[in-house]
Amino acid sequence: MASWLDALKRVPGGSPRNLMWWGGVLCCLPLGLLLLMQYRRLTHVETMARETERANMSHFLDIVAEKTENHYRGLVRDLVQLPPELLFGELPPLRRYYRSIPREKLKPVRFVFHMSFVGKLDQQSFLFDPRTGDWAQEIPESTYKKINLSAIHWWAWHKKKLDGAPDGLVTSHYLPNHPIIMKLISDVEGTVVGLVGVVLEDVVFEQFLAETLPVTLNAIFSGQGKRAEVIDLGGITRFETEAEIASGRQDKVARPFSFVFEDWRVAVHTNGGPTPGLVATTLTANALISLLLVVAVAVGIGFTMRTALNYRQLSEMKSDFVSNVSHELRTPIASIRVFGELMRDGKIGSMEKVAEYGCFIEQETRRLGGLIENILDFSKIESGQKQYFFAETHLIPLVDNMIRGFEQRPGHIGIRFERVFPRQLPPIRLDASAVGQAVFNLLDNAVKYGPAEQTIEVGVGFESDHVILWVKDQAGGIPNHERQRIFERFHRVPTGAVHQVRGSGLGLAITKHIVEGHGGRIGLTSDEGVGSCFLMKLPVAGGTRGQSGEETNSVG
């Protein structure tokens, strides 16, 4: 895995962030193509479904129109079967004939009328009112003229002796909302002698629609949210199956009635408010599912890459740690061996040299002891066996002794330690050995990574129920992106003087654990190019494991 990551990093723009971006693009590209193909297919399916739905709606309208025509043809057929001989005689027999028709059959009719084309009643129209059972009286002149005009048309046809007399029923629409149905009457020889007609009642037609439309609509579109309505010539809704819902998309198909009420239109349209289409619902659902899958895959890939990168970085840090520790051990041991051999063989000419070599040996053994102590402490921390022994301790003398140890080292002539101590500080509960090691680690880093000539500020202060201890160096500062990781194990800042300085990468990690083991916090402020300030806050009463975080205010 690490070699694979190394190969990818050698590709231009092959950083982990860019690789994850490209991986996301490669995951989304086939998804986008798949959704595009699906969109085109679903659009075609939705178009076909919509056309099929409109065809079914048109079929419903055809059925309604056919039912209406069949109903009125059957109804009127019996009413216009007038014996031809009645057209030659007087009116009383005709009246008796009309009265003999059952009232139930005459219910849909406003008037029954006839016109004789022969005899003394030639070209005269007579209207029978079923409601009164007698000839109609006080008819509006306009109504009579339109009824008469419907009949006179066929009277003129008869007088001109034209061919092609209609054998069945004929209609006229001179009266708005009151269709006229007529039939020519022929004698036994087949000669047309007159006509009989009816004027239909619109109110009864509305009753017929109320009985027919819901049943037909439910039979064809059961549960599909369709609404039917009938609108007359004036745009007035005469009947509808349910109230219209104003919001939402509605698809509508309409047609006029045939045979009767041809000026009226019957319409059917979708109802029930907003109804998302097949494409929108299906594509959205599939896109969400696909997006979840892509997110899951991307999270898996990201987690795998992050784990691999962490593993690689940890492996590199461990390798650096082993290399650095080996170097840290090998170099002083070699020096001690050389000086020991010189002293054993008596090749040292003066006691000053003996003292100098002895001081060097002591310094190197102290450094080895500190390194071994860090490694042992880290091992205990990793295994969870690290324990702290708290006791009342004066912090200022403890810190001052640590500083004196560094001041007495040879080679530190250009380094000056500036103490910022209060006059009095109450004793606090802490593990003196552990806190001393934490202070030693901070001082050691300040000396190792700083210039040969610098001033290191070491301060102790009191704040509420906490004691504050800080070390401020002039080591050039720490970059922003490294500050969060500076306390991680094995981590060393990969820039600046770190390549020329030996170290294990454990000092700050151990220091952080010691501070948190005392219930305190450790933080950092850094001015890049100038220096850094490490701040420890320890509770006066001692404590349990606390938190760590980066300080936002500089201390000094």
Protein backbone atom coordinates (compact mmCIF):
# COMPACT_ATOMS: atom_id res chain seq x y z
CA MET A 1 0.00 0.00 0.00
CA ALA A 2 2.81 2.41 0.92
CA SER A 3 4.64 1.76 -2.38
CA TRP A 4 1.41 2.33 -4.28
CA LEU A 5 0.90 5.65 -2.50
CA ASP A 6 4.51 6.62 -3.24
CA ALA A 7 3.96 5.90 -6.94
CA LEU A 8 0.80 8.03 -6.98
CA LYS A 9 2.51 10.89 -5.19
CA ARG A 10 5.15 11.00 -7.92
CA VAL A 11 2.39 11.74 -10.46
CA PRO A 12 1.98 15.51 -11.13
CA GLY A 13 -0.73 16.79 -8.78
CA GLY A 14 -0.67 13.46 -6.94
CA SER A 15 -1.19 14.82 -3.45
CA PRO A 16 -3.67 12.87 -1.25
CA ARG A 17 -6.22 15.70 -1.47
CA ASN A 18 -6.02 15.80 -5.29
CA LEU A 19 -6.19 12.02 -5.49
CA MET A 20 -9.38 12.04 -3.43
CA TRP A 21 -10.87 14.74 -5.67
CA TRP A 22 -10.04 12.75 -8.80
CA GLY A 23 -11.40 9.60 -7.18
CA GLY A 24 -14.68 11.40 -6.48
CA VAL A 25 -14.85 12.63 -10.07
CA LEU A 26 -14.22 9.13 -11.41
CA CYS A 27 -16.96 7.77 -9.13
CA CYS A 28 -19.45 10.45 -10.15
CA LEU A 29 -18.74 10.32 -13.91
CA PRO A 30 -20.30 6.88 -14.58
CA LEU A 31 -23.12 7.79 -12.20
CA GLY A 32 -23.81 10.94 -14.20
CA LEU A 33 -23.79 9.01 -17.49
CA LEU A 34 -26.09 6.38 -16.00
CA LEU A 35 -28.50 9.02 -14.73
CA LEU A 36 -28.45 10.77 -18.11
CA MET A 37 -29.34 7.53 -19.92
CA GLN A 38 -31.98 6.84 -17.33
CA TYR A 39 -33.37 10.36 -17.74
CA ARG A 40 -33.72 9.92 -21.51
CA ARG A 41 -35.37 6.53 -21.08
CA LEU A 42 -37.74 7.75 -18.36
CA THR A 43 -38.60 10.83 -20.41
CA HIS A 44 -39.61 8.58 -23.29
CA VAL A 45 -41.60 6.33 -20.95
CA GLU A 46 -43.32 9.33 -19.37
CA THR A 47 -44.18 10.74 -22.78
CA MET A 48 -45.66 7.41 -23.84
CA ALA A 49 -47.53 7.12 -20.55
CA ARG A 50 -48.90 10.64 -20.94
CA GLU A 51 -50.01 9.91 -24.51
CA THR A 52 -51.62 6.69 -23.33
CA GLU A 53 -53.36 8.55 -20.53
CA ARG A 54 -54.66 11.18 -22.95
CA ALA A 55 -55.85 8.41 -25.27
CA ASN A 56 -57.75 6.84 -22.36
CA MET A 57 -59.23 10.22 -21.51
CA SER A 58 -60.34 10.68 -25.13
CA HIS A 59 -61.80 7.17 -25.05
CA PHE A 60 -63.77 8.11 -21.93
CA LEU A 61 -65.19 11.18 -23.69
CA ASP A 62 -66.17 9.07 -26.69
CA ILE A 63 -68.01 6.66 -24.40
CA VAL A 64 -69.86 9.54 -22.68
CA ALA A 65 -70.85 11.06 -26.03
CA GLU A 66 -71.97 7.67 -27.33
CA LYS A 67 -74.04 6.97 -24.23
CA THR A 68 -75.68 10.38 -24.54
CA GLU A 69 -76.53 9.90 -28.19
CA ASN A 70 -77.91 6.39 -27.67
CA HIS A 71 -79.98 7.56 -24.72
CA TYR A 72 -81.65 10.39 -26.59
CA ARG A 73 -82.12 8.45 -29.82
CA GLY A 74 -83.94 5.71 -27.94
CA LEU A 75 -85.94 8.28 -25.99
CA VAL A 76 -87.09 10.34 -28.97
CA ARG A 77 -87.64 7.44 -31.34
CA ASP A 78 -90.90 6.48 -29.62
CA LEU A 79 -92.09 10.09 -29.27
CA VAL A 80 -91.96 10.90 -32.97
CA GLN A 81 -93.83 7.84 -34.24
CA LEU A 82 -96.87 9.95 -35.22
CA PRO A 83 -99.50 8.31 -37.51
CA PRO A 84 -99.38 10.29 -40.82
CA GLU A 85 -103.16 10.57 -41.12
CA LEU A 86 -103.28 12.79 -38.04
CA LEU A 87 -101.42 15.49 -39.99
CA PHE A 88 -104.31 15.86 -42.46
CA GLY A 89 -107.11 16.39 -39.95
CA GLU A 90 -108.10 18.62 -37.12
CA LEU A 91 -106.03 19.42 -34.02
CA PRO A 92 -108.12 17.64 -31.34
CA PRO A 93 -107.06 14.13 -32.44
CA LEU A 94 -103.44 15.26 -32.33
CA ARG A 95 -103.90 16.62 -28.84
CA ARG A 96 -105.46 13.36 -27.69
CA TYR A 97 -102.52 11.49 -29.21
CA TYR A 98 -99.97 13.62 -27.35
CA ARG A 99 -101.90 13.22 -24.12
CA SER A 100 -101.85 9.44 -24.53
CA ILE A 101 -98.05 9.39 -24.34
CA PRO A 102 -96.92 8.37 -20.80
CA ARG A 103 -95.79 11.36 -18.76
CA GLU A 104 -92.53 9.58 -17.81
CA LYS A 105 -91.46 9.50 -21.46
CA LEU A 106 -92.21 13.20 -21.84
CA LYS A 107 -90.15 14.20 -18.79
CA PRO A 108 -86.94 15.08 -20.75
CA VAL A 109 -88.98 17.13 -23.28
CA ARG A 110 -89.79 20.84 -23.09
CA PHE A 111 -92.18 20.83 -26.11
CA VAL A 112 -93.54 18.38 -28.67
CA PHE A 113 -94.35 20.01 -32.00
CA HIS A 114 -95.39 19.09 -35.52
CA MET A 115 -95.73 20.76 -38.94
CA SER A 116 -97.91 19.55 -41.80
CA PHE A 117 -96.54 19.86 -45.34
CA VAL A 118 -100.02 19.25 -46.97
CA GLY A 119 -103.67 20.19 -46.40
CA LYS A 120 -105.19 23.20 -44.79
CA LEU A 121 -102.64 23.22 -41.92
CA ASP A 122 -99.77 23.38 -44.37
CA GLN A 123 -96.64 25.18 -43.02
CA GLN A 124 -98.09 25.71 -39.57
CA SER A 125 -96.29 24.66 -36.41
CA PHE A 126 -98.16 23.56 -33.28
CA LEU A 127 -96.44 23.09 -29.93
CA PHE A 128 -97.68 20.73 -27.21
CA ASP A 129 -96.61 21.44 -23.61
CA PRO A 130 -96.31 18.17 -21.60
CA ARG A 131 -96.44 20.08 -18.32
CA THR A 132 -99.94 21.43 -19.01
CA GLY A 133 -101.17 18.62 -21.25
CA ASP A 134 -102.36 21.13 -23.86
CA TRP A 135 -101.15 23.32 -26.66
CA ALA A 136 -98.45 25.67 -25.50
CA GLN A 137 -99.59 29.17 -24.65
CA GLU A 138 -97.65 32.39 -24.17
CA ILE A 139 -94.46 31.10 -25.77
CA PRO A 140 -91.77 33.75 -26.25
CA GLU A 141 -91.90 34.85 -29.85
CA SER A 142 -88.20 34.26 -30.34
CA THR A 143 -88.54 30.67 -29.11
CA TYR A 144 -91.45 29.98 -31.43
CA LYS A 145 -89.64 31.49 -34.40
CA LYS A 146 -86.54 29.33 -33.83
CA ILE A 147 -88.60 26.18 -33.50
CA ASN A 148 -90.59 27.09 -36.60
CA LEU A 149 -87.36 27.92 -38.46
CA SER A 150 -86.03 24.42 -37.70
CA ALA A 151 -89.15 22.88 -39.23
CA ILE A 152 -89.55 25.29 -42.17
CA HIS A 153 -86.20 24.21 -43.49
CA TRP A 154 -87.59 20.75 -44.19
CA TRP A 155 -90.88 22.18 -45.45
CA ALA A 156 -88.89 24.12 -48.09
CA TRP A 157 -86.97 20.97 -48.97
CA HIS A 158 -90.30 19.18 -49.50
CA LYS A 159 -91.78 21.93 -51.68
CA LYS A 160 -88.73 21.93 -53.94
CA LYS A 161 -89.14 18.15 -54.27
CA LEU A 162 -85.47 17.53 -53.51
CA ASP A 163 -84.12 14.01 -53.24
CA GLY A 164 -82.37 12.40 -50.31
CA ALA A 165 -84.90 12.73 -47.53
CA PRO A 166 -83.31 11.69 -44.20
CA ASP A 167 -84.67 8.41 -43.00
CA GLY A 168 -83.88 8.90 -39.30
CA LEU A 169 -83.73 11.66 -36.77
CA VAL A 170 -82.36 15.11 -37.54
CA THR A 171 -81.30 17.81 -35.10
CA SER A 172 -81.29 21.57 -34.94
CA HIS A 173 -79.50 23.88 -32.51
CA TYR A 174 -81.25 27.19 -33.08
CA LEU A 175 -82.30 27.24 -29.41
CA PRO A 176 -79.23 27.56 -27.10
CA ASN A 177 -79.17 24.82 -24.44
CA HIS A 178 -82.40 23.29 -25.86
CA PRO A 179 -81.60 20.95 -28.78
CA ILE A 180 -84.39 20.16 -31.28
CA ILE A 181 -84.84 16.61 -32.62
CA MET A 182 -87.15 16.02 -35.61
CA LYS A 183 -88.34 13.19 -37.85
CA LEU A 184 -90.01 13.44 -41.27
CA ILE A 185 -93.35 11.60 -41.48
CA SER A 186 -94.25 9.73 -44.66
CA ASP A 187 -97.58 8.21 -45.74
CA VAL A 188 -98.11 4.62 -46.89
CA GLU A 189 -96.89 5.53 -50.36
CA GLY A 190 -93.64 6.95 -48.98
CA THR A 191 -94.51 10.61 -49.56
CA VAL A 192 -93.34 13.05 -46.91
CA VAL A 193 -96.41 14.73 -45.43
CA GLY A 194 -94.94 16.56 -42.43
CA LEU A 195 -92.59 16.28 -39.47
CA VAL A 196 -92.74 15.76 -35.71
CA GLY A 197 -90.14 17.07 -33.26
CA VAL A 198 -89.26 17.59 -29.64
CA VAL A 199 -87.43 20.37 -27.77
CA LEU A 200 -85.23 18.90 -25.05
CA GLU A 201 -85.05 20.13 -21.46
CA ASP A 202 -81.49 21.07 -20.27
CA VAL A 203 -82.25 20.47 -16.57
CA VAL A 204 -83.14 16.85 -17.27
CA PHE A 205 -79.94 16.51 -19.29
CA GLU A 206 -77.96 17.63 -16.22
CA GLN A 207 -79.70 14.90 -14.23
CA PHE A 208 -78.72 12.37 -16.87
CA LEU A 209 -75.08 13.53 -16.64
CA ALA A 210 -75.13 13.22 -12.84
CA GLU A 211 -76.15 9.58 -13.23
CA THR A 212 -73.85 8.70 -16.13
CA LEU A 213 -70.54 10.55 -15.70
CA PRO A 214 -69.46 9.33 -12.21
CA VAL A 215 -70.22 5.70 -13.05
CA THR A 216 -68.35 5.85 -16.34
CA LEU A 217 -65.44 7.78 -14.82
CA ASN A 218 -65.04 5.28 -11.98
CA ALA A 219 -65.24 2.33 -14.38
CA ILE A 220 -62.37 3.63 -16.55
CA PHE A 221 -60.22 5.65 -14.09
CA SER A 222 -60.86 4.03 -10.73
CA GLY A 223 -58.59 5.69 -8.14
CA GLN A 224 -56.56 7.63 -10.73
CA GLY A 225 -57.56 11.13 -9.65
CA LYS A 226 -59.59 12.19 -12.69
CA ARG A 227 -62.30 14.83 -12.76
CA ALA A 228 -65.05 15.28 -15.36
CA GLU A 229 -67.11 18.38 -16.06
CA VAL A 230 -69.64 19.65 -18.60
CA ILE A 231 -69.65 23.28 -19.79
CA ASP A 232 -72.44 24.90 -21.82
CA LEU A 233 -72.20 27.39 -24.68
CA GLY A 234 -71.91 30.34 -22.26
CA GLY A 235 -68.94 28.81 -20.42
CA ILE A 236 -71.02 27.89 -17.36
CA THR A 237 -70.18 24.60 -15.66
CA ARG A 238 -73.39 22.58 -15.70
CA PHE A 239 -71.99 19.54 -13.94
CA GLU A 240 -68.69 18.32 -12.44
CA THR A 241 -67.79 15.16 -10.57
CA GLU A 242 -65.88 17.01 -7.83
CA ALA A 243 -64.69 20.52 -7.01
CA GLU A 244 -61.68 21.82 -8.90
CA ILE A 245 -58.35 22.13 -7.06
CA ALA A 246 -56.63 25.30 -8.18
CA SER A 247 -53.00 24.40 -7.40
CA GLY A 248 -50.95 21.79 -9.22
CA ARG A 249 -50.47 20.61 -12.76
CA GLN A 250 -53.66 19.53 -14.57
CA ASP A 251 -53.90 17.80 -17.92
CA LYS A 252 -57.18 18.27 -19.78
CA VAL A 253 -58.93 16.65 -22.75
CA ALA A 254 -62.29 17.99 -24.00
CA ARG A 255 -64.74 17.41 -26.84
CA PRO A 256 -68.30 18.50 -27.75
CA PHE A 257 -71.28 16.22 -27.44
CA SER A 258 -72.58 14.63 -30.61
CA PHE A 259 -76.19 14.51 -31.88
CA VAL A 260 -77.67 16.59 -29.01
CA PHE A 261 -76.23 19.47 -26.98
CA GLU A 262 -73.47 19.88 -29.54
CA ASP A 263 -72.72 23.35 -28.14
CA TRP A 264 -71.85 21.80 -24.80
CA ARG A 265 -68.42 20.36 -24.10
CA VAL A 266 -67.50 17.48 -21.86
CA ALA A 267 -63.96 17.49 -20.40
CA VAL A 268 -61.87 15.18 -18.26
CA HIS A 269 -58.67 16.20 -16.54
CA THR A 270 -56.29 15.10 -13.85
CA ASN A 271 -57.05 16.34 -10.38
CA GLY A 272 -55.74 16.13 -6.83
CA GLY A 273 -53.18 18.94 -6.74
CA PRO A 274 -49.52 18.75 -7.72
CA THR A 275 -48.58 15.35 -9.15
CA PRO A 276 -44.84 14.91 -9.88
CA GLY A 277 -44.11 13.15 -13.12
CA LEU A 278 -42.56 9.77 -13.59
CA VAL A 279 -39.19 11.23 -14.56
CA ALA A 280 -38.94 13.56 -11.57
CA THR A 281 -39.93 10.98 -8.93
CA THR A 282 -37.99 8.03 -10.33
CA LEU A 283 -34.89 10.01 -11.24
CA THR A 284 -34.82 11.76 -7.88
CA ALA A 285 -35.16 8.49 -6.00
CA ASN A 286 -32.48 6.81 -8.11
CA ALA A 287 -30.19 9.84 -7.83
CA LEU A 288 -30.51 9.83 -4.05
CA ILE A 289 -29.82 6.10 -3.85
CA SER A 290 -26.87 6.43 -6.24
CA LEU A 291 -25.58 9.43 -4.34
CA LEU A 292 -25.72 7.48 -1.09
CA LEU A 293 -23.82 4.63 -2.74
CA VAL A 294 -21.22 7.05 -4.11
CA VAL A 295 -20.89 8.69 -0.71
CA ALA A 296 -20.47 5.28 0.90
CA VAL A 297 -17.84 4.28 -1.67
CA ALA A 298 -16.11 7.65 -1.37
CA VAL A 299 -16.11 7.38 2.43
CA GLY A 300 -14.69 3.88 2.13
CA ILE A 301 -12.01 4.99 -0.31
CA GLY A 302 -11.22 8.05 1.78
CA PHE A 303 -11.03 5.97 4.95
CA THR A 304 -8.80 3.42 3.22
CA MET A 305 -6.51 6.11 1.82
CA ARG A 306 -6.40 7.93 5.14
CA THR A 307 -5.61 4.71 6.96
CA ALA A 308 -2.91 3.91 4.41
CA LEU A 309 -1.45 7.41 4.68
CA ASN A 310 -1.52 7.26 8.47
CA TYR A 311 0.11 3.85 8.36
CA ARG A 312 2.74 5.13 5.98
CA GLN A 313 3.41 8.21 8.09
CA LEU A 314 3.54 6.14 11.27
CA SER A 315 5.91 3.70 9.59
CA GLU A 316 8.13 6.56 8.46
CA MET A 317 8.05 8.14 11.92
CA LYS A 318 8.92 4.81 13.54
CA SER A 319 11.78 4.34 11.08
CA ASP A 320 13.02 7.85 11.85
CA PHE A 321 12.63 7.14 15.55
CA VAL A 322 14.68 3.95 15.37
CA SER A 323 17.31 5.70 13.25
CA ASN A 324 17.50 8.73 15.54
CA VAL A 325 17.60 6.65 18.74
CA SER A 326 20.26 4.40 17.27
CA HIS A 327 22.28 7.45 16.36
CA GLU A 328 21.65 9.00 19.77
CA LEU A 329 22.92 5.83 21.44
CA ARG A 330 25.77 4.98 19.12
CA THR A 331 27.47 8.41 19.06
CA PRO A 332 27.84 9.03 22.83
CA ILE A 333 28.73 5.39 23.47
CA ALA A 334 31.52 5.63 20.92
CA SER A 335 32.76 8.86 22.49
CA ILE A 336 32.64 7.39 26.00
CA ARG A 337 34.52 4.29 24.80
CA VAL A 338 37.25 6.43 23.20
CA PHE A 339 37.73 8.60 26.29
CA GLY A 340 37.63 5.54 28.52
CA GLU A 341 40.33 3.81 26.47
CA LEU A 342 42.51 6.94 26.63
CA MET A 343 42.12 7.09 30.41
CA ARG A 344 42.75 3.34 30.76
CA ASP A 345 45.95 3.45 28.69
CA GLY A 346 47.24 6.50 30.61
CA LYS A 347 47.55 8.59 27.47
CA ILE A 348 46.07 11.72 29.11
CA GLY A 349 48.88 14.10 29.98
CA SER A 350 47.26 16.33 32.58
CA MET A 351 44.56 16.30 35.23
CA GLU A 352 42.75 19.13 33.44
CA LYS A 353 42.25 16.82 30.48
CA VAL A 354 41.09 14.07 32.82
CA ALA A 355 38.57 16.45 34.34
CA GLU A 356 37.47 17.64 30.90
CA TYR A 357 37.03 14.10 29.59
CA GLY A 358 35.26 13.07 32.78
CA CYS A 359 32.87 16.01 32.45
CA PHE A 360 32.16 15.02 28.87
CA ILE A 361 31.54 11.41 29.87
CA GLU A 362 29.19 12.55 32.64
CA GLN A 363 27.32 14.84 30.22
CA GLU A 364 26.90 12.09 27.65
CA THR A 365 25.74 9.57 30.25
CA ARG A 366 23.20 12.09 31.54
CA ARG A 367 21.90 12.59 28.00
CA LEU A 368 21.75 8.82 27.49
CA GLY A 369 19.91 8.49 30.76
CA GLY A 370 17.39 11.13 29.71
CA LEU A 371 16.86 9.39 26.37
CA ILE A 372 16.39 6.00 28.02
CA GLU A 373 14.04 7.56 30.56
CA ASN A 374 11.92 9.05 27.75
CA ILE A 375 11.75 5.69 25.98
CA LEU A 376 10.79 3.86 29.18
CA ASP A 377 8.17 6.50 30.01
CA PHE A 378 6.76 6.30 26.49
CA SER A 379 6.54 2.52 26.79
CA LYS A 380 4.61 2.87 30.07
CA ILE A 381 2.33 5.50 28.55
CA GLU A 382 1.56 3.30 25.53
CA SER A 383 0.77 0.30 27.75
CA GLY A 384 -1.27 2.40 30.20
CA GLN A 385 1.05 1.60 33.13
CA LYS A 386 2.41 5.11 33.70
CA GLN A 387 1.71 6.25 37.26
CA TYR A 388 2.26 9.60 38.95
CA PHE A 389 3.08 10.07 42.64
CA PHE A 390 1.76 13.37 43.93
CA ALA A 391 3.32 15.26 46.83
CA GLU A 392 3.49 18.84 48.07
CA THR A 393 6.24 20.42 45.95
CA HIS A 394 7.74 23.88 45.55
CA LEU A 395 7.73 24.43 41.81
CA ILE A 396 10.19 27.35 41.54
CA PRO A 397 13.21 25.48 42.99
CA LEU A 398 12.33 22.49 40.79
CA VAL A 399 12.31 24.62 37.64
CA ASP A 400 15.41 26.55 38.72
CA ASN A 401 17.38 23.30 39.19
CA MET A 402 16.42 22.24 35.64
CA ILE A 403 17.66 25.59 34.30
CA ARG A 404 20.94 25.33 36.24
CA GLY A 405 21.57 21.93 34.71
CA PHE A 406 21.46 23.48 31.24
CA GLU A 407 23.50 26.51 32.27
CA GLN A 408 26.32 24.27 33.52
CA ARG A 409 26.60 22.38 30.26
CA PRO A 410 29.69 23.20 28.20
CA GLY A 411 28.94 24.63 24.76
CA HIS A 412 25.99 26.71 25.98
CA ILE A 413 27.97 29.89 26.52
CA GLY A 414 25.84 31.94 24.08
CA ILE A 415 22.51 30.83 25.59
CA ARG A 416 21.06 32.94 28.37
CA PHE A 417 18.13 31.85 30.54
CA GLU A 418 15.79 34.59 31.73
CA ARG A 419 13.81 33.63 34.81
CA VAL A 420 10.37 35.21 35.37
CA PHE A 421 9.44 33.93 38.83
CA PRO A 422 7.07 35.43 41.42
CA ARG A 423 8.43 36.23 44.86
CA GLN A 424 6.21 33.69 46.51
CA LEU A 425 4.38 30.65 45.20
CA PRO A 426 2.52 28.19 47.42
CA PRO A 427 3.48 24.53 47.16
CA ILE A 428 1.35 22.44 44.84
CA ARG A 429 0.62 18.73 44.59
CA LEU A 430 2.53 17.16 41.72
CA ASP A 431 4.93 14.42 40.73
CA ALA A 432 8.23 16.28 40.98
CA SER A 433 10.13 13.76 38.84
CA ALA A 434 7.52 13.80 36.02
CA VAL A 435 7.10 17.59 35.99
CA GLY A 436 10.89 17.98 36.08
CA GLN A 437 11.10 15.72 33.04
CA ALA A 438 8.43 17.81 31.25
CA VAL A 439 10.37 21.03 31.97
CA PHE A 440 13.59 19.33 30.87
CA ASN A 441 11.99 18.32 27.53
CA LEU A 442 10.80 21.88 26.85
CA LEU A 443 14.21 23.37 27.74
CA ASP A 444 16.03 20.73 25.70
CA ASN A 445 13.92 21.51 22.60
CA ALA A 446 14.48 25.25 23.05
CA VAL A 447 18.25 24.71 23.22
CA LYS A 448 18.47 22.14 20.41
CA TYR A 449 16.30 23.93 17.84
CA GLY A 450 17.29 27.50 18.70
CA PRO A 451 20.35 29.47 17.55
CA ALA A 452 23.68 29.25 19.40
CA GLU A 453 23.05 32.68 20.87
CA GLN A 454 19.57 33.28 22.22
CA THR A 455 17.61 34.17 25.31
CA ILE A 456 15.22 31.53 26.59
CA GLU A 457 12.53 32.87 28.88
CA VAL A 458 11.31 30.52 31.60
CA GLY A 459 8.42 31.75 33.71
CA VAL A 460 6.16 30.62 36.54
CA GLY A 461 2.93 32.36 37.50
CA PHE A 462 -0.24 31.91 39.51
CA GLU A 463 -3.75 32.22 38.07
CA SER A 464 -6.82 31.44 40.18
CA ASP A 465 -6.43 27.77 41.17
CA HIS A 466 -3.78 27.00 38.53
CA VAL A 467 -0.02 27.44 38.32
CA ILE A 468 1.30 28.54 34.95
CA LEU A 469 4.72 27.53 33.64
CA TRP A 470 6.03 28.63 30.27
CA VAL A 471 9.15 28.31 28.13
CA LYS A 472 9.62 30.91 25.42
CA ASP A 473 12.41 30.34 22.86
CA GLN A 474 13.86 32.07 19.79
CA ALA A 475 13.96 28.95 17.62
CA GLY A 476 12.19 30.45 14.58
CA GLY A 477 8.63 29.37 15.36
CA ILE A 478 6.43 26.53 14.11
CA PRO A 479 4.31 26.69 10.92
CA ASN A 480 0.54 26.93 11.45
CA HIS A 481 -0.25 23.58 9.83
CA GLU A 482 2.16 21.78 12.16
CA ARG A 483 0.93 23.17 15.48
CA GLN A 484 -1.93 20.71 15.92
CA ARG A 485 0.40 17.74 15.36
CA ILE A 486 3.38 18.98 17.34
CA PHE A 487 2.35 16.92 20.40
CA GLU A 488 1.91 13.65 18.46
CA ARG A 489 4.30 10.78 19.08
CA PHE A 490 7.26 10.49 16.71
CA HIS A 491 6.22 13.69 14.97
CA ARG A 492 8.95 16.18 14.11
CA VAL A 493 8.45 19.37 12.15
CA PRO A 494 9.74 18.53 8.62
CA THR A 495 11.26 21.99 8.06
CA GLY A 496 13.85 24.24 9.64
CA ALA A 497 16.67 22.93 11.77
CA VAL A 498 15.11 19.55 12.54
CA HIS A 499 17.28 17.78 9.96
CA GLN A 500 20.46 18.91 11.73
CA VAL A 501 19.19 18.11 15.26
CA ARG A 502 19.07 14.65 16.78
CA GLY A 503 15.94 13.62 18.59
CA SER A 504 13.40 10.83 19.10
CA GLY A 505 10.17 12.77 18.51
CA LEU A 506 8.83 11.66 21.92
CA GLY A 507 9.64 14.65 24.15
CA LEU A 508 6.53 16.77 23.55
CA ALA A 509 4.21 13.72 23.46
CA ILE A 510 5.53 12.66 26.89
CA THR A 511 5.30 16.23 28.18
CA LYS A 512 1.66 16.47 27.07
CA HIS A 513 0.84 13.18 28.82
CA ILE A 514 2.53 14.35 32.05
CA VAL A 515 0.61 17.64 32.07
CA GLU A 516 -2.73 15.96 31.34
CA GLY A 517 -1.94 13.31 33.99
CA HIS A 518 -1.80 16.17 36.47
CA GLY A 519 -5.24 17.44 35.35
CA GLY A 520 -3.70 20.33 33.45
CA ARG A 521 -3.39 21.56 29.90
CA ILE A 522 -0.50 22.33 27.59
CA GLY A 523 -0.72 24.85 24.78
CA LEU A 524 1.39 26.59 22.21
CA THR A 525 1.66 30.02 20.66
CA SER A 526 4.15 30.59 17.89
CA ASP A 527 5.33 33.50 15.80
CA GLU A 528 6.77 31.98 12.64
CA GLY A 529 10.26 33.29 11.99
CA VAL A 530 10.69 34.44 15.62
CA GLY A 531 9.99 31.77 18.20
CA SER A 532 7.48 29.72 20.19
CA CYS A 533 6.05 29.72 23.67
CA PHE A 534 4.96 26.46 25.35
CA LEU A 535 2.58 26.96 28.26
CA MET A 536 1.67 24.43 30.96
CA LYS A 537 -1.27 25.01 33.30
CA LEU A 538 -1.25 22.75 36.37
CA PRO A 539 -3.95 22.70 39.07
CA VAL A 540 -2.69 23.63 42.54
CA ALA A 541 -4.42 20.64 44.13
CA GLY A 542 -3.18 18.15 41.54
CA GLY A 543 -5.72 16.12 39.60
CA THR A 544 -6.61 13.56 37.00
CA ARG A 545 -6.11 13.46 33.30
CA GLY A 546 -7.14 16.78 31.71
CA GLN A 547 -7.33 18.38 28.29
CA SER A 548 -4.79 19.96 25.96
CA GLY A 549 -5.25 22.76 23.51
CA GLU A 550 -3.51 25.59 21.74
CA GLU A 551 -3.26 28.86 23.60
CA THR A 552 -4.39 31.95 21.76
CA ASN A 553 -2.66 34.55 23.88
CA SER A 554 1.10 34.80 24.19
CA VAL A 555 2.61 34.53 27.62
CA GLY A 556 5.76 36.20 28.92
